[in-house]
Protein backbone atom coordinates (compact mmCIF):
# COMPACT_ATOMS: atom_id res chain seq x y z
CA MET A 1 -1.28 -42.55 -5.99
CA PRO A 2 2.60 -43.83 -6.00
CA ALA A 3 5.44 -42.28 -3.65
CA SER A 4 6.91 -40.91 -6.18
CA GLU A 5 4.13 -38.59 -7.12
CA ILE A 6 2.27 -36.33 -4.76
CA SER A 7 -1.16 -34.12 -5.26
CA ALA A 8 -1.19 -30.87 -7.09
CA GLY A 9 -2.63 -28.63 -4.11
CA HIS A 10 0.95 -29.78 -2.67
CA VAL A 11 2.94 -29.24 -5.73
CA ILE A 12 1.34 -25.66 -5.68
CA VAL A 13 2.71 -24.98 -1.99
CA LYS A 14 6.45 -26.13 -2.67
CA SER A 15 5.74 -24.25 -5.68
CA LEU A 16 5.48 -20.81 -3.14
CA ALA A 17 8.30 -22.18 -0.87
CA ALA A 18 10.34 -22.07 -3.64
CA HIS A 19 9.71 -18.61 -5.13
CA GLY A 20 10.48 -17.80 -1.30
CA VAL A 21 7.06 -16.67 0.31
CA LYS A 22 6.72 -16.99 3.83
CA ARG A 23 3.49 -16.18 4.67
CA VAL A 24 -0.29 -16.60 3.12
CA TYR A 25 -3.64 -14.98 4.04
CA VAL A 26 -6.19 -17.66 4.36
CA VAL A 27 -10.00 -17.63 4.80
CA PRO A 28 -10.48 -21.25 4.02
CA GLY A 29 -12.75 -23.33 2.14
CA GLU A 30 -13.62 -27.24 1.48
CA SER A 31 -12.81 -25.54 -2.58
CA PHE A 32 -9.10 -26.18 -1.84
CA LEU A 33 -8.47 -28.87 1.38
CA ASP A 34 -6.26 -29.98 -0.69
CA VAL A 35 -3.55 -26.95 -1.00
CA LEU A 36 -4.65 -26.23 3.15
CA ASP A 37 -3.33 -30.10 3.59
CA GLY A 38 -0.13 -28.79 1.90
CA LEU A 39 0.46 -26.28 4.28
CA HIS A 40 0.43 -28.08 6.95
CA ASP A 41 3.89 -29.28 6.87
CA SER A 42 5.10 -26.44 4.79
CA PRO A 43 7.91 -23.64 6.21
CA ILE A 44 5.09 -20.91 4.73
CA ASP A 45 3.27 -19.89 7.70
CA THR A 46 -0.18 -19.65 7.27
CA VAL A 47 -2.48 -16.78 8.54
CA VAL A 48 -6.12 -17.44 9.41
CA CYS A 49 -8.30 -14.58 8.79
CA ARG A 50 -11.79 -13.46 9.73
CA HIS A 51 -13.17 -11.72 6.42
CA GLU A 52 -11.94 -12.60 2.64
CA GLY A 53 -11.95 -8.83 2.04
CA GLY A 54 -9.32 -8.36 5.43
CA ALA A 55 -6.93 -11.37 3.38
CA ALA A 56 -6.89 -9.71 0.37
CA TYR A 57 -5.75 -6.31 1.95
CA MET A 58 -3.34 -7.93 4.01
CA ALA A 59 -1.82 -9.80 0.62
CA GLU A 60 -2.04 -6.34 -0.87
CA ALA A 61 -0.20 -5.02 2.22
CA ASP A 62 2.55 -7.86 1.80
CA GLY A 63 3.26 -6.63 -1.64
CA LYS A 64 4.03 -3.55 -1.03
CA LEU A 65 6.24 -4.57 1.89
CA GLY A 66 8.40 -6.55 0.46
CA GLU A 67 9.90 -8.09 -3.45
CA LEU A 68 7.54 -10.95 -4.11
CA PRO A 69 3.56 -10.46 -4.62
CA GLY A 70 1.40 -11.30 -1.38
CA ILE A 71 -0.66 -14.54 -1.90
CA ALA A 72 -4.05 -14.81 -0.47
CA MET A 73 -6.66 -17.75 -0.71
CA VAL A 74 -9.99 -17.53 -0.62
CA THR A 75 -12.77 -19.84 -1.59
CA ARG A 76 -15.04 -20.12 -4.70
CA GLY A 77 -18.19 -17.46 -4.98
CA PRO A 78 -18.96 -15.34 -2.22
CA GLY A 79 -15.06 -16.29 -1.23
CA ALA A 80 -13.81 -14.68 -4.51
CA ALA A 81 -16.39 -11.68 -4.35
CA ASN A 82 -15.79 -10.56 -1.10
CA ALA A 83 -12.12 -10.47 -1.84
CA HIS A 84 -12.32 -8.61 -4.87
CA VAL A 85 -11.84 -5.39 -3.34
CA GLY A 86 -8.21 -6.44 -2.20
CA LEU A 87 -7.59 -7.25 -6.22
CA HIS A 88 -9.24 -3.06 -7.22
CA THR A 89 -6.63 -2.20 -4.70
CA ALA A 90 -3.66 -3.81 -6.06
CA TRP A 91 -4.59 -3.13 -9.13
CA GLN A 92 -4.66 0.73 -8.84
CA ASP A 93 -1.87 0.37 -6.68
CA SER A 94 0.27 -1.40 -9.26
CA THR A 95 1.03 -3.72 -6.15
CA ALA A 96 2.34 -7.77 -7.12
CA MET A 97 -0.39 -9.80 -5.68
CA VAL A 98 -1.92 -13.54 -6.25
CA LEU A 99 -5.02 -14.34 -5.14
CA PHE A 100 -5.32 -18.09 -5.61
CA VAL A 101 -9.46 -19.08 -5.23
CA GLY A 102 -10.93 -22.43 -5.15
CA LEU A 103 -13.12 -23.59 -7.75
CA ILE A 104 -16.37 -26.08 -7.97
CA PRO A 105 -15.19 -29.75 -9.38
CA PHE A 106 -14.00 -29.75 -13.46
CA GLU A 107 -16.82 -31.72 -14.34
CA HIS A 108 -19.30 -29.74 -12.80
CA ARG A 109 -18.85 -26.39 -15.01
CA GLU A 110 -21.87 -24.82 -16.72
CA LYS A 111 -24.68 -26.59 -14.53
CA GLU A 112 -24.90 -23.49 -11.79
CA ALA A 113 -23.39 -25.71 -9.09
CA PHE A 114 -23.16 -24.81 -6.12
CA GLN A 115 -21.08 -21.75 -5.54
CA GLU A 116 -19.92 -21.75 -9.68
CA PHE A 117 -18.81 -18.68 -10.73
CA ASP A 118 -17.00 -17.67 -13.91
CA PRO A 119 -13.59 -16.08 -13.22
CA LYS A 120 -12.18 -14.69 -16.19
CA ALA A 121 -15.90 -13.03 -16.92
CA TRP A 122 -15.48 -11.54 -13.01
CA PHE A 123 -11.63 -10.62 -12.77
CA ASP A 124 -10.50 -10.10 -16.18
CA THR A 125 -10.79 -6.67 -16.04
CA GLY A 126 -9.27 -5.63 -12.95
CA ALA A 127 -6.33 -8.39 -12.95
CA LYS A 128 -3.24 -8.67 -15.11
CA ARG A 129 -4.02 -12.38 -15.75
CA VAL A 130 -7.07 -14.84 -14.59
CA MET A 131 -5.41 -18.39 -15.39
CA ILE A 132 -7.58 -21.53 -14.68
CA LEU A 133 -5.69 -24.53 -13.10
CA ASP A 134 -7.17 -27.40 -15.41
CA HIS A 135 -4.10 -29.85 -15.54
CA PRO A 136 -2.65 -31.37 -12.83
CA GLU A 137 1.15 -31.74 -13.95
CA ARG A 138 0.85 -27.66 -14.50
CA ALA A 139 0.49 -27.15 -10.72
CA SER A 140 4.22 -25.84 -10.15
CA GLU A 141 4.50 -23.83 -13.72
CA VAL A 142 0.80 -22.26 -13.01
CA VAL A 143 3.22 -20.93 -9.86
CA ALA A 144 6.14 -19.76 -11.32
CA GLU A 145 3.50 -17.42 -14.38
CA ALA A 146 1.75 -16.07 -12.03
CA MET A 147 4.49 -14.83 -9.69
CA PHE A 148 6.21 -13.62 -12.68
CA ALA A 149 3.31 -11.82 -14.09
CA ALA A 150 2.51 -9.88 -10.99
CA VAL A 151 5.66 -8.65 -10.94
CA SER A 152 7.18 -8.43 -14.93
CA GLY A 153 6.17 -4.43 -15.79
CA ARG A 154 3.95 -3.04 -13.85
CA PRO A 155 2.84 -4.84 -10.91
CA GLY A 156 -0.76 -6.14 -10.19
CA PRO A 157 -2.29 -8.47 -9.36
CA VAL A 158 -3.21 -12.61 -10.71
CA VAL A 159 -5.84 -14.82 -10.03
CA VAL A 160 -5.54 -18.18 -10.30
CA GLY A 161 -8.71 -20.64 -10.17
CA LEU A 162 -8.27 -24.26 -8.14
CA PRO A 163 -11.15 -26.62 -10.02
CA GLU A 164 -11.45 -29.04 -6.48
CA ASP A 165 -11.00 -31.95 -7.87
CA ILE A 166 -7.68 -31.08 -10.50
CA ILE A 167 -5.69 -30.22 -6.93
CA THR A 168 -5.56 -33.70 -5.52
CA GLN A 169 -5.21 -35.51 -8.85
CA PRO A 170 -1.09 -36.86 -8.84
CA ASN A 171 1.98 -34.83 -10.30
CA ASP A 172 5.21 -35.55 -10.73
CA GLY A 173 6.22 -32.59 -8.10
CA ILE A 174 8.98 -31.01 -9.99
CA ILE A 175 9.20 -27.76 -8.95
CA HIS A 176 9.11 -25.45 -11.77
CA PRO A 177 12.32 -22.62 -11.98
CA GLN A 178 11.07 -18.77 -10.71
CA ILE A 179 11.09 -16.93 -13.91
CA PRO A 180 13.59 -13.86 -14.41
CA VAL A 181 12.09 -10.46 -14.67
CA ALA A 182 13.33 -8.14 -16.74
CA GLN A 183 14.23 -4.63 -15.09
CA GLY A 184 14.91 -2.50 -18.02
CA GLY A 185 17.72 0.32 -17.87
CA MET A 186 18.40 3.75 -19.21
CA THR A 187 20.23 3.60 -23.33
CA VAL A 188 22.58 5.80 -23.53
CA THR A 189 20.15 7.93 -25.71
CA ASP A 190 17.87 7.83 -22.44
CA TRP A 191 21.05 9.14 -20.11
CA LYS A 192 21.61 11.89 -22.27
CA ALA A 193 18.44 13.27 -22.74
CA LEU A 194 17.52 13.14 -19.31
CA LYS A 195 21.16 14.76 -18.33
CA SER A 196 20.27 17.28 -21.54
CA ALA A 197 17.27 18.31 -19.82
CA LEU A 198 18.02 18.39 -16.03
CA MET A 199 21.25 20.76 -17.24
CA GLU A 200 18.86 22.72 -18.98
CA ALA A 201 15.89 23.13 -15.75
CA GLU A 202 15.79 25.46 -13.47
CA ARG A 203 13.53 24.11 -11.41
CA PRO A 204 13.14 20.11 -11.60
CA LEU A 205 11.09 18.63 -9.47
CA PHE A 206 11.22 14.57 -9.54
CA VAL A 207 8.56 12.63 -7.97
CA PHE A 208 8.20 9.09 -6.88
CA GLY A 209 6.21 6.57 -6.06
CA GLY A 210 4.80 3.24 -6.58
CA ASN A 211 5.57 -0.31 -4.41
CA ASP A 212 8.83 -1.30 -7.40
CA TRP A 213 12.21 0.00 -5.01
CA THR A 214 13.91 -1.55 -3.06
CA ASP A 215 15.86 0.35 0.56
CA GLU A 216 18.54 0.01 -0.89
CA GLY A 217 17.51 1.26 -3.98
CA ALA A 218 15.61 3.95 -2.00
CA ASP A 219 18.75 5.65 -0.24
CA THR A 220 20.98 5.65 -3.73
CA PHE A 221 18.22 7.70 -4.63
CA THR A 222 18.08 10.40 -1.54
CA GLN A 223 21.80 10.14 -1.73
CA TRP A 224 21.93 11.41 -5.49
CA LEU A 225 19.22 13.93 -4.84
CA GLU A 226 20.90 15.33 -1.78
CA SER A 227 24.27 15.61 -3.07
CA HIS A 228 22.67 17.58 -6.14
CA ASN A 229 20.28 20.09 -4.40
CA LEU A 230 17.49 18.51 -6.18
CA PRO A 231 14.05 18.00 -4.83
CA ALA A 232 11.83 15.67 -4.73
CA ALA A 233 8.10 15.14 -3.96
CA ALA A 234 6.32 12.25 -3.22
CA GLU A 235 3.16 10.65 -5.55
CA TRP A 236 -0.15 10.56 -2.96
CA ARG A 237 0.81 8.42 -0.15
CA CYS A 238 3.96 6.90 -0.95
CA GLU A 239 5.81 9.23 1.50
CA GLY A 240 8.99 7.82 2.67
CA THR A 241 11.18 6.60 -0.58
CA VAL A 242 12.77 9.70 0.17
CA PRO A 243 12.53 10.06 3.67
CA PHE A 244 10.68 12.44 5.43
CA GLY A 245 13.94 14.06 6.91
CA SER A 246 15.91 14.58 4.28
CA PRO A 247 16.39 18.21 2.81
CA SER A 248 15.58 17.20 -0.80
CA TYR A 249 11.74 15.99 -0.08
CA VAL A 250 9.56 19.22 -0.09
CA GLY A 251 6.04 17.31 0.74
CA PRO A 252 3.48 14.97 -1.08
CA LEU A 253 0.83 15.64 -4.21
CA GLY A 254 -1.94 14.31 -4.47
CA TYR A 255 -5.67 15.01 -3.49
CA GLY A 256 -5.88 17.42 0.01
CA ARG A 257 -2.28 17.86 -1.12
CA PRO A 258 -0.44 21.28 1.72
CA GLN A 259 -0.65 24.30 -0.19
CA HIS A 260 3.32 24.14 -1.23
CA THR A 261 2.49 21.81 -3.66
CA HIS A 262 -0.39 22.73 -5.03
CA GLU A 263 1.35 24.99 -7.79
CA VAL A 264 4.40 22.64 -7.95
CA LEU A 265 3.23 20.67 -10.98
CA ASP A 266 2.96 23.68 -13.17
CA GLY A 267 5.24 25.29 -11.13
CA SER A 268 8.21 23.30 -12.43
CA ASP A 269 10.08 23.73 -15.95
CA LEU A 270 11.36 19.95 -15.56
CA LEU A 271 9.45 16.88 -13.75
CA VAL A 272 11.32 13.34 -13.69
CA PHE A 273 8.74 10.62 -12.72
CA VAL A 274 9.59 7.69 -11.01
CA GLY A 275 8.46 4.27 -10.67
CA THR A 276 5.07 5.80 -11.35
CA VAL A 277 2.71 8.52 -13.69
CA PRO A 278 0.80 12.06 -13.62
CA GLY A 279 -1.85 9.95 -13.32
CA ASP A 280 -6.21 11.49 -12.26
CA VAL A 281 -4.53 12.23 -8.14
CA ILE A 282 -1.24 13.83 -9.30
CA THR A 283 -3.32 16.04 -11.50
CA ASP A 284 -6.48 17.33 -9.98
CA GLY A 285 -8.63 15.37 -12.18
CA PHE A 286 -6.41 15.54 -15.91
CA THR A 287 -6.32 19.29 -14.94
CA ALA A 288 -2.87 20.59 -13.91
CA ARG A 289 0.51 20.22 -16.30
CA GLN A 290 -2.13 19.28 -19.42
CA ASN A 291 0.13 21.49 -21.48
CA TRP A 292 1.66 19.61 -24.16
CA GLU A 293 4.45 21.87 -24.52
CA ARG A 294 5.77 21.32 -20.68
CA LYS A 295 8.49 18.71 -20.35
CA ASN A 296 7.41 15.86 -18.37
CA PHE A 297 10.42 12.77 -18.17
CA ILE A 298 8.72 9.52 -16.78
CA VAL A 299 10.31 6.11 -15.71
CA THR A 300 8.43 3.17 -15.45
CA ILE A 301 8.77 -0.56 -16.85
CA ASP A 302 4.89 -0.02 -18.10
CA PRO A 303 5.97 0.72 -21.90
CA SER A 304 2.13 1.33 -22.06
CA LEU A 305 1.98 4.15 -19.82
CA ARG A 306 -1.24 3.49 -18.25
CA GLY A 307 -3.06 5.28 -16.27
CA ARG A 308 -1.22 8.35 -17.58
CA SER A 309 -1.67 12.47 -18.72
CA GLY A 310 -0.40 15.49 -20.19
CA PRO A 311 2.55 15.35 -22.13
CA VAL A 312 5.04 13.08 -22.19
CA THR A 313 8.91 14.41 -23.40
CA HIS A 314 11.11 10.59 -23.29
CA GLN A 315 10.09 8.05 -21.47
CA ILE A 316 12.94 5.64 -19.92
CA VAL A 317 11.27 1.83 -19.44
CA ALA A 318 12.91 0.96 -15.84
CA LYS A 319 12.13 -0.19 -12.93
CA PRO A 320 13.40 2.37 -10.27
CA ASP A 321 16.29 0.58 -8.80
CA VAL A 322 17.87 0.21 -11.98
CA PHE A 323 17.28 3.33 -13.01
CA VAL A 324 18.80 4.92 -9.96
CA ARG A 325 22.07 2.21 -10.72
CA ASP A 326 22.41 4.75 -13.62
CA LEU A 327 21.38 7.92 -12.44
CA VAL A 328 24.61 7.69 -9.85
CA ARG A 329 26.58 7.54 -12.56
CA MET A 330 25.55 11.13 -13.72
CA ASP A 331 27.68 13.49 -12.03
CA LEU A 332 25.82 17.25 -12.49
CA PRO A 333 27.79 20.33 -11.46
CA VAL A 334 24.50 21.79 -9.10
CA CYS A 335 23.45 24.77 -10.50
CA ASP A 336 22.24 28.14 -7.80
CA SER A 337 18.76 27.94 -9.28
CA TRP A 338 18.30 24.22 -7.67
CA ARG A 339 19.53 24.97 -4.63
CA THR A 340 17.22 28.29 -4.83
CA TRP A 341 14.21 25.94 -5.85
CA THR A 342 14.59 23.25 -3.57
CA ASN A 343 15.55 25.15 -0.04
CA GLU A 344 12.17 27.59 -1.28
CA LEU A 345 10.56 24.00 -1.40
CA ARG A 346 11.91 22.40 1.70
CA ALA A 347 11.49 25.35 3.74
CA LYS A 348 7.69 25.40 3.20
CA GLN A 349 7.40 21.66 3.84
CA VAL A 350 9.36 21.72 7.29
CA GLU A 351 6.25 24.64 7.99
CA PHE A 352 3.49 22.46 7.22
CA SER A 353 5.00 19.20 8.59
CA THR A 354 6.28 20.81 11.77
CA PRO A 355 3.72 18.75 14.40
CA PRO A 356 1.99 21.81 16.96
CA SER A 357 2.79 21.93 20.97
CA ALA A 358 2.47 18.47 22.48
CA GLU A 359 0.78 20.58 25.61
CA PRO A 360 -2.65 19.65 25.65
CA GLY A 361 -5.30 22.39 26.08
CA ASP A 362 -8.49 22.16 27.78
CA GLY A 363 -11.53 20.53 26.39
CA GLN A 364 -12.71 17.98 24.27
CA ALA A 365 -9.55 15.84 22.85
CA LYS A 366 -7.70 16.49 19.94
CA MET A 367 -6.11 14.84 16.83
CA ALA A 368 -3.82 17.39 16.28
CA THR A 369 -1.95 17.18 20.14
CA MET A 370 -2.59 13.38 19.62
CA MET A 371 0.37 13.31 16.36
CA ALA A 372 2.55 16.02 18.51
CA ASN A 373 2.32 13.70 20.81
CA LEU A 374 2.70 10.00 18.88
CA VAL A 375 5.83 12.12 17.02
CA LYS A 376 7.65 12.81 19.94
CA ARG A 377 7.39 8.40 20.89
CA LEU A 378 8.34 7.06 17.43
CA ASP A 379 11.21 5.53 16.83
CA GLU A 380 13.50 6.38 13.62
CA ASP A 381 11.86 3.46 11.29
CA ALA A 382 8.45 3.51 12.85
CA MET A 383 5.58 2.56 9.84
CA VAL A 384 2.32 4.57 9.34
CA THR A 385 -0.91 2.49 8.07
CA PHE A 386 -4.16 3.90 6.97
CA GLY A 387 -6.88 3.34 4.39
CA ALA A 388 -9.38 6.26 3.12
CA GLY A 389 -11.12 9.73 4.89
CA GLU A 390 -9.84 12.86 6.02
CA HIS A 391 -8.28 11.50 9.09
CA THR A 392 -5.44 9.85 6.71
CA ASN A 393 -3.95 13.67 6.43
CA TRP A 394 -2.90 13.93 9.99
CA ALA A 395 -0.26 11.03 9.30
CA HIS A 396 0.58 12.87 5.32
CA ARG A 397 1.01 15.85 7.06
CA TYR A 398 2.77 14.98 10.23
CA PHE A 399 4.50 11.13 10.29
CA PRO A 400 7.71 11.36 9.92
CA THR A 401 8.41 8.25 6.93
CA ASN A 402 11.76 7.87 6.82
CA GLY A 403 12.50 4.85 4.57
CA TYR A 404 10.66 3.14 1.67
CA ALA A 405 7.43 1.54 2.22
CA SER A 406 6.78 3.19 6.23
CA MET A 407 4.00 4.63 4.84
CA ILE A 408 1.43 1.99 3.84
CA SER A 409 -2.18 2.73 2.27
CA ALA A 410 -4.79 2.61 -0.23
CA ARG A 411 -3.96 4.70 -3.22
CA ASN A 412 -7.05 3.96 -5.24
CA GLY A 413 -9.08 5.29 -2.01
CA SER A 414 -10.79 2.42 -0.58
CA MET A 415 -12.04 2.17 3.15
CA GLY A 416 -11.21 -0.45 6.00
CA TYR A 417 -7.87 -0.71 4.88
CA SER A 418 -6.28 0.36 7.80
CA VAL A 419 -6.64 -2.66 10.50
CA PRO A 420 -5.91 -5.59 7.81
CA SER A 421 -2.52 -3.74 6.21
CA ALA A 422 -1.20 -2.57 9.71
CA VAL A 423 -1.18 -6.54 11.17
CA ALA A 424 0.42 -7.81 7.94
CA ALA A 425 2.78 -5.09 8.62
CA SER A 426 3.64 -5.79 12.09
CA LEU A 427 3.78 -9.66 11.08
CA GLN A 428 6.39 -8.63 8.56
CA TYR A 429 7.97 -6.36 10.38
CA PRO A 430 7.23 -7.62 14.91
CA LYS A 431 10.88 -5.37 15.93
CA ARG A 432 8.98 -2.34 14.65
CA GLN A 433 6.64 0.39 15.43
CA VAL A 434 3.44 -0.12 13.21
CA ILE A 435 1.16 2.76 13.68
CA SER A 436 -2.27 3.17 12.37
CA ILE A 437 -4.44 5.77 11.76
CA ALA A 438 -8.06 4.65 11.22
CA GLY A 439 -11.55 6.89 11.02
CA ASP A 440 -14.48 5.92 12.82
CA GLY A 441 -16.18 4.99 9.34
CA GLU A 442 -13.59 2.98 8.14
CA PHE A 443 -12.31 1.11 11.30
CA LEU A 444 -15.85 -0.83 11.33
CA MET A 445 -15.15 -2.08 7.61
CA ASN A 446 -12.51 -4.70 8.71
CA ALA A 447 -11.50 -4.15 12.84
CA GLN A 448 -12.90 -8.13 13.14
CA GLU A 449 -9.30 -8.85 11.70
CA LEU A 450 -7.82 -7.20 15.25
CA ALA A 451 -8.74 -10.94 16.52
CA THR A 452 -5.94 -12.31 13.79
CA ALA A 453 -3.29 -9.93 15.01
CA LYS A 454 -4.25 -11.63 18.40
CA GLN A 455 -3.84 -14.52 17.30
CA TYR A 456 -0.88 -14.50 15.01
CA GLY A 457 0.79 -12.52 17.61
CA ALA A 458 0.75 -8.79 15.93
CA THR A 459 1.17 -5.61 17.73
CA PRO A 460 -0.28 -2.54 16.02
CA LEU A 461 -1.34 0.87 17.69
CA ILE A 462 -4.25 1.06 16.14
CA ILE A 463 -5.56 5.21 16.78
CA VAL A 464 -9.00 5.35 15.92
CA MET A 465 -10.02 9.21 14.92
CA ASP A 466 -13.92 9.48 15.83
CA ASN A 467 -15.91 12.28 14.58
CA GLN A 468 -18.97 10.32 14.33
CA GLU A 469 -19.31 10.72 10.28
CA TYR A 470 -17.97 9.66 7.06
CA GLY A 471 -16.14 13.03 7.29
CA THR A 472 -14.85 13.45 3.43
CA ILE A 473 -18.20 12.61 2.13
CA ARG A 474 -19.32 15.11 4.38
CA THR A 475 -16.81 17.80 2.99
CA HIS A 476 -17.95 17.08 -0.56
CA GLN A 477 -21.32 17.08 0.64
CA GLU A 478 -20.96 20.73 1.98
CA ARG A 479 -19.17 21.86 -1.24
CA ALA A 480 -22.29 20.62 -3.64
CA TYR A 481 -25.56 20.79 -0.98
CA PRO A 482 -24.61 23.17 2.01
CA LYS A 483 -26.17 22.45 5.16
CA ARG A 484 -28.39 19.50 3.87
CA VAL A 485 -25.67 16.59 5.85
CA SER A 486 -27.84 13.27 4.58
CA GLY A 487 -26.14 9.78 4.96
CA THR A 488 -22.62 10.56 6.68
CA GLN A 489 -23.66 10.60 10.12
CA LEU A 490 -22.80 7.86 12.39
CA GLU A 491 -23.08 6.50 16.27
CA ASN A 492 -20.67 4.19 17.30
CA PRO A 493 -19.49 1.86 19.90
CA ASP A 494 -16.94 2.08 22.40
CA PHE A 495 -14.27 0.53 20.64
CA ALA A 496 -12.02 0.29 23.42
CA LEU A 497 -14.05 -2.35 24.79
CA PHE A 498 -14.42 -3.79 21.41
CA ALA A 499 -10.94 -4.47 21.35
CA GLN A 500 -10.48 -5.11 25.02
CA ALA A 501 -12.98 -7.80 23.71
CA PHE A 502 -10.89 -9.57 21.64
CA GLY A 503 -7.76 -9.57 23.67
CA GLY A 504 -6.21 -6.35 23.36
CA PHE A 505 -5.54 -3.16 24.89
CA GLY A 506 -8.16 -0.74 24.51
CA ILE A 507 -8.72 3.15 25.71
CA ARG A 508 -10.80 5.66 24.83
CA VAL A 509 -10.27 9.22 25.58
CA GLU A 510 -12.24 11.88 25.60
CA LYS A 511 -10.35 14.54 27.06
CA ASP A 512 -7.34 16.07 25.87
CA THR A 513 -5.13 16.03 28.84
CA ASP A 514 -5.40 12.72 28.71
CA ILE A 515 -3.92 11.82 25.69
CA PRO A 516 -0.24 11.67 26.69
CA GLY A 517 -1.13 8.85 29.49
CA ALA A 518 -2.77 7.37 27.28
CA LEU A 519 0.11 7.11 24.58
CA ASP A 520 2.27 5.41 27.15
CA GLU A 521 -0.14 2.72 28.31
CA ALA A 522 -0.65 2.14 24.73
CA PHE A 523 3.35 2.01 24.01
CA GLU A 524 3.92 -0.21 27.13
CA ALA A 525 1.17 -2.80 25.60
CA THR A 526 2.43 -3.07 22.15
CA GLU A 527 5.96 -3.31 23.98
CA ASN A 528 4.84 -6.63 26.19
CA GLY A 529 3.16 -8.18 22.90
CA GLN A 530 -0.19 -6.96 22.63
CA PHE A 531 -1.89 -5.04 20.22
CA ALA A 532 -3.28 -1.39 21.42
CA LEU A 533 -6.53 0.80 20.27
CA ILE A 534 -7.13 4.57 21.21
CA HIS A 535 -10.40 5.41 20.26
CA LEU A 536 -9.78 8.89 20.69
CA ILE A 537 -13.19 11.36 20.51
CA VAL A 538 -12.68 14.73 18.97
CA GLU A 539 -14.60 16.99 17.31
CA GLN A 540 -16.78 17.41 13.67
CA ARG A 541 -15.53 19.29 11.13
CA VAL A 542 -11.38 19.82 12.17
CA LYS A 543 -9.44 19.24 9.61
CA ALA A 544 -5.31 18.47 9.49
CA TYR A 545 -5.23 21.32 6.75
């Protein structure tokens, strides 16, 4: 091609770099070789993963960790199918993510060519947009549109199909500018309505969530809450935006919520949701807070209120940071009833979240002892990741999340998320402690990404709680079919040896007395540039709460 032109595949890479993308997660395929070639000389780090599901999870976690969409690249057919789990996670968790999928050549369509599939038919109901690059001259424009679509409004996943013959064709190389994203904000009417509702309330509660905050916005929000003695609860698996130690933080909502927040939705006379909506999980399957006489203010940039249930008193169309910018101008007198209400809820949360004694006991290892000893060794900015299962409640209860995006999890209940998200978090923040709490069931679903951790120098500490069962499903089973355990029991390998085989530090712990020493060795390994894994053998049916 002429010297003044470059291929569409290379333009895609240059466009991603122009948007500020630092890292892409890839499982290579012959369908997008030209994009891989463009990455060769790019400032973007190419993280080669071992399974498309792992790559998609890492990209989704990346979208939660920063202000840009996470980027994954996979091949057609089987590759796209494997990546679908990450796309579903991004859709239900409202995470900005762009999945690039290599496709068959343009001229081979609708001939049932090797690995052919219809991207729109597969992904249209679970992505904000599905775009196919059919014209090479539009390569940079399509990237800009995809990045915009992922972050505008309610964030979510976007799929971009790349026919392998189109991406090799010439392009003028002109990079499309970034498309500005509307932030919304409080109108005068919004401001007056919220102020009036707060002044009338005796037991107001803010509920924060979502992945659309910044550190600055979260800090400002926390300061405003504390200055007014107002309480805030976390959406399920969204802890940290208001720090664990804040006098305004009163605990998590959602599945497995502690008793003191179980009735707080109906006990509050005003709820203000910021960055999230009262959906299925928060409202216990659309049962709590359904009376339309109750007062709910909902702050979200999504005018459709997708996923909401129950009453809507007033919607404020704004992203969290912009809402907070306007909120702090609202200087309210602190009511005695607010102070009393907040202090009561906070005292219950402190009691609930205070770790048990770190002194090991006799007998088999206990997760309570592990958490008590772990918390003592954590830095102020430590992060936690996990997937789905009863093991996650140990982190919900005790892990001190002290800032936005310090808890990275799958709110769609997707298993296998723990290891990939820990790798992504460690690569994004190499100087921070990244801890992953994994169950034995979910760990093996993407444990192969320990190879990715080793290859790229990620150093998470992964604690595998091995109770030899799919614990959450067993709990449901015991309720519906008592004493008829079926399809939930596991026989596991030695996960410590598994970690060692991948080049990391691994230690197996069966006795409670061995927990402190194992943690010391594991942290020493991570400080020396290794990932670490503790295989903790615990009793069945022992829960965090």
